[in-house]
Protein backbone atom coordinates (compact mmCIF):
# COMPACT_ATOMS: atom_id res chain seq x y z
CA MET A 1 -19.95 -29.08 -1.61
CA ASP A 2 -17.66 -31.09 0.36
CA THR A 3 -14.82 -29.66 -1.33
CA LEU A 4 -15.95 -26.11 -1.14
CA HIS A 5 -16.40 -26.74 2.78
CA SER A 6 -13.00 -28.35 3.22
CA LYS A 7 -11.40 -25.20 1.82
CA SER A 8 -11.33 -21.65 3.11
CA PRO A 9 -12.11 -19.49 0.17
CA ASN A 10 -11.97 -15.59 0.22
CA PHE A 11 -14.68 -15.38 -2.61
CA ILE A 12 -17.27 -17.79 -4.13
CA ARG A 13 -18.28 -17.08 -7.62
CA CYS A 14 -21.83 -18.08 -8.59
CA VAL A 15 -22.22 -19.68 -12.04
CA LYS A 16 -25.59 -20.52 -13.51
CA PRO A 17 -25.53 -23.99 -15.08
CA ASN A 18 -28.30 -23.09 -17.45
CA SER A 19 -30.63 -20.25 -18.59
CA GLU A 20 -33.89 -22.39 -18.37
CA LYS A 21 -33.63 -22.92 -14.61
CA VAL A 22 -33.94 -26.54 -15.01
CA ALA A 23 -32.80 -29.06 -12.57
CA ASN A 24 -29.81 -31.57 -13.62
CA HIS A 25 -29.17 -29.78 -16.71
CA PHE A 26 -25.75 -28.27 -17.63
CA ASP A 27 -24.97 -26.00 -20.67
CA SER A 28 -21.18 -26.24 -20.89
CA VAL A 29 -20.86 -23.19 -23.37
CA MET A 30 -22.87 -20.90 -21.14
CA VAL A 31 -20.80 -21.85 -18.04
CA LEU A 32 -17.49 -21.62 -20.14
CA HIS A 33 -18.69 -18.05 -21.15
CA GLN A 34 -19.39 -17.10 -17.66
CA LEU A 35 -15.86 -18.36 -16.42
CA LYS A 36 -14.06 -16.56 -19.09
CA TYR A 37 -16.02 -13.24 -18.68
CA ALA A 38 -15.55 -13.46 -14.82
CA GLY A 39 -11.82 -13.71 -15.45
CA LEU A 40 -11.47 -17.01 -13.43
CA PHE A 41 -9.07 -18.54 -16.01
CA GLU A 42 -6.66 -15.47 -15.56
CA ALA A 43 -6.91 -15.45 -11.95
CA ILE A 44 -5.94 -19.03 -11.51
CA ARG A 45 -3.13 -18.73 -14.04
CA VAL A 46 -1.82 -15.66 -11.97
CA ARG A 47 -2.07 -17.74 -8.46
CA ALA A 48 -0.67 -20.67 -10.09
CA SER A 49 2.46 -18.83 -11.13
CA GLY A 50 2.88 -17.92 -7.53
CA TYR A 51 1.84 -13.92 -7.62
CA ALA A 52 -0.49 -14.08 -4.92
CA TYR A 53 -0.77 -10.50 -4.26
CA ARG A 54 -1.90 -8.06 -6.76
CA LYS A 55 -2.69 -4.37 -6.68
CA PRO A 56 -3.39 -1.54 -9.26
CA HIS A 57 -0.57 0.38 -10.25
CA SER A 58 -2.16 3.64 -8.49
CA SER A 59 -3.00 1.67 -5.16
CA PHE A 60 0.74 0.48 -5.29
CA TYR A 61 2.14 3.52 -5.75
CA ALA A 62 -0.10 5.10 -2.85
CA ARG A 63 1.02 2.46 -0.36
CA TYR A 64 4.85 2.49 -1.44
CA ARG A 65 5.55 5.83 -2.23
CA VAL A 66 6.98 6.66 1.26
CA LEU A 67 9.94 4.35 -0.05
CA LEU A 68 10.99 7.03 -2.69
CA SER A 69 13.60 9.61 -1.92
CA LYS A 70 12.09 13.08 -1.43
CA ALA A 71 13.38 14.66 -4.65
CA ASN A 72 12.09 11.32 -6.72
CA ARG A 73 8.87 11.34 -4.61
CA ALA A 74 8.13 15.05 -5.85
CA LYS A 75 9.21 14.19 -9.47
CA GLN A 76 6.97 10.97 -9.49
CA ASP A 77 3.92 12.76 -8.08
CA ALA A 78 3.88 15.17 -11.11
CA VAL A 79 4.03 12.35 -13.28
CA LYS A 80 0.25 10.96 -14.12
CA ASN A 81 1.44 7.58 -15.43
CA ALA A 82 0.55 5.16 -12.36
CA LYS A 83 2.64 2.34 -14.28
CA LEU A 84 5.85 4.67 -14.36
CA GLN A 85 5.25 5.73 -10.71
CA ALA A 86 4.93 1.96 -9.69
CA GLN A 87 8.17 1.12 -11.79
CA SER A 88 10.12 4.23 -10.12
CA ILE A 89 9.34 2.43 -6.78
CA LEU A 90 10.86 -0.66 -8.04
CA ASP A 91 13.86 1.12 -9.39
CA GLU A 92 14.52 2.78 -6.06
CA VAL A 93 14.17 -0.23 -3.98
CA LYS A 94 16.08 -2.79 -6.42
CA ASP A 95 19.51 -2.82 -4.53
CA ILE A 96 17.50 -3.29 -1.11
CA ILE A 97 15.20 -6.27 -1.99
CA LYS A 98 15.03 -8.82 -4.60
CA ILE A 99 12.46 -7.58 -7.10
CA ASP A 100 12.54 -10.91 -9.16
CA ASN A 101 9.36 -11.56 -7.06
CA ILE A 102 7.62 -8.45 -8.29
CA GLN A 103 6.28 -8.04 -11.90
CA ILE A 104 4.48 -5.15 -13.47
CA GLY A 105 1.52 -5.93 -15.70
CA LYS A 106 -0.87 -3.73 -17.70
CA THR A 107 -2.87 -2.70 -15.07
CA LYS A 108 -1.71 -4.25 -11.80
CA VAL A 109 1.44 -5.08 -9.97
CA PHE A 110 1.94 -8.67 -9.21
CA TYR A 111 4.32 -9.80 -6.32
CA ARG A 112 4.73 -12.75 -4.39
CA ASN A 113 4.52 -13.37 -0.51
CA GLU A 114 8.40 -12.80 -0.09
CA ALA A 115 8.32 -9.47 -1.97
CA MET A 116 5.38 -8.21 -0.05
CA LEU A 117 7.05 -8.90 3.37
CA GLU A 118 10.10 -7.10 2.47
CA LEU A 119 8.20 -3.97 0.87
CA GLU A 120 6.07 -3.90 4.18
CA GLU A 121 9.20 -4.04 6.15
CA LEU A 122 10.81 -1.20 4.38
CA ARG A 123 7.72 0.83 4.52
CA SER A 124 7.23 0.28 8.18
CA GLN A 125 10.73 1.20 8.85
CA LYS A 126 10.34 4.41 6.82
CA MET A 127 7.03 4.91 8.55
CA LEU A 128 8.81 4.81 11.94
CA ARG A 129 11.53 7.10 11.02
CA PHE A 130 8.68 9.80 10.04
CA CYS A 131 7.01 9.38 13.31
CA VAL A 132 10.10 9.82 15.04
CA LEU A 133 10.82 12.95 12.93
CA LEU A 134 7.34 14.25 13.69
CA GLN A 135 7.63 13.75 17.33
CA ALA A 136 11.04 15.69 17.35
CA LEU A 137 9.27 18.55 15.26
CA ILE A 138 6.49 18.68 17.97
CA ARG A 139 8.83 18.61 21.13
CA LYS A 140 10.92 21.42 19.38
CA LEU A 141 7.73 23.44 18.96
CA LEU A 142 6.65 22.85 22.35
CA ALA A 143 10.04 23.53 24.00
CA LYS A 144 10.13 26.79 21.94
CA LYS A 145 6.56 27.66 23.22
CA ARG A 146 7.73 26.77 26.74
CA ALA A 147 10.78 28.68 26.57
CA LYS A 148 9.11 31.97 25.26
CA LYS A 149 6.61 31.61 28.00
CA LEU A 150 9.36 31.29 30.58
CA LYS A 151 11.41 34.15 29.10
CA VAL A 152 7.98 36.46 29.28
CA SER A 153 7.45 35.39 32.85
CA CYS A 154 11.10 36.02 33.81
CA ALA A 155 11.06 39.42 32.18
CA SER A 156 7.74 40.45 34.10
CA SER A 157 9.12 39.08 37.52
CA PHE A 158 12.45 41.29 36.88
CA LEU A 159 10.55 44.29 36.06
CA SER A 160 8.09 43.63 39.09
CA LEU A 161 11.33 43.32 41.62
CA ARG A 162 12.90 46.50 39.82
CA ARG A 163 9.63 48.57 40.78
CA LYS A 164 9.71 47.40 44.43
CA SER A 165 13.34 48.43 44.82
């Protein structure tokens, strides 16, 4: 317990030491089976190799699809294979960031801290550009609406002046 309290775990897995609920009795076969079934050994292996972040292919694609070009995004949205979609993002950004820190597995994309920071930086730059573009579009629409209103107002003022004269 001292070891556990000295760390800051993100999760705790409970393992039953025996099926009889007897104190000070440890069934190693049962514990080993629980650890294998829970995928703990695989998680430790992945963490030890340095790939601290992992997302399912579909989540990775949903988060970073903004990094794709418009044409490629439309093409990849039509593809229903999440692994290919995730690979397309890596193909698109391979000239910008170092993709050596990113690995595509059978069901998830594994990436190191440096890669996550670079991907997030690229994503926030793209999102900022989208926000600026959206603001410009809204300002354009509001200016057109204001101009139309002003035109109508000027026309009605002009007509009322003509009637008086």
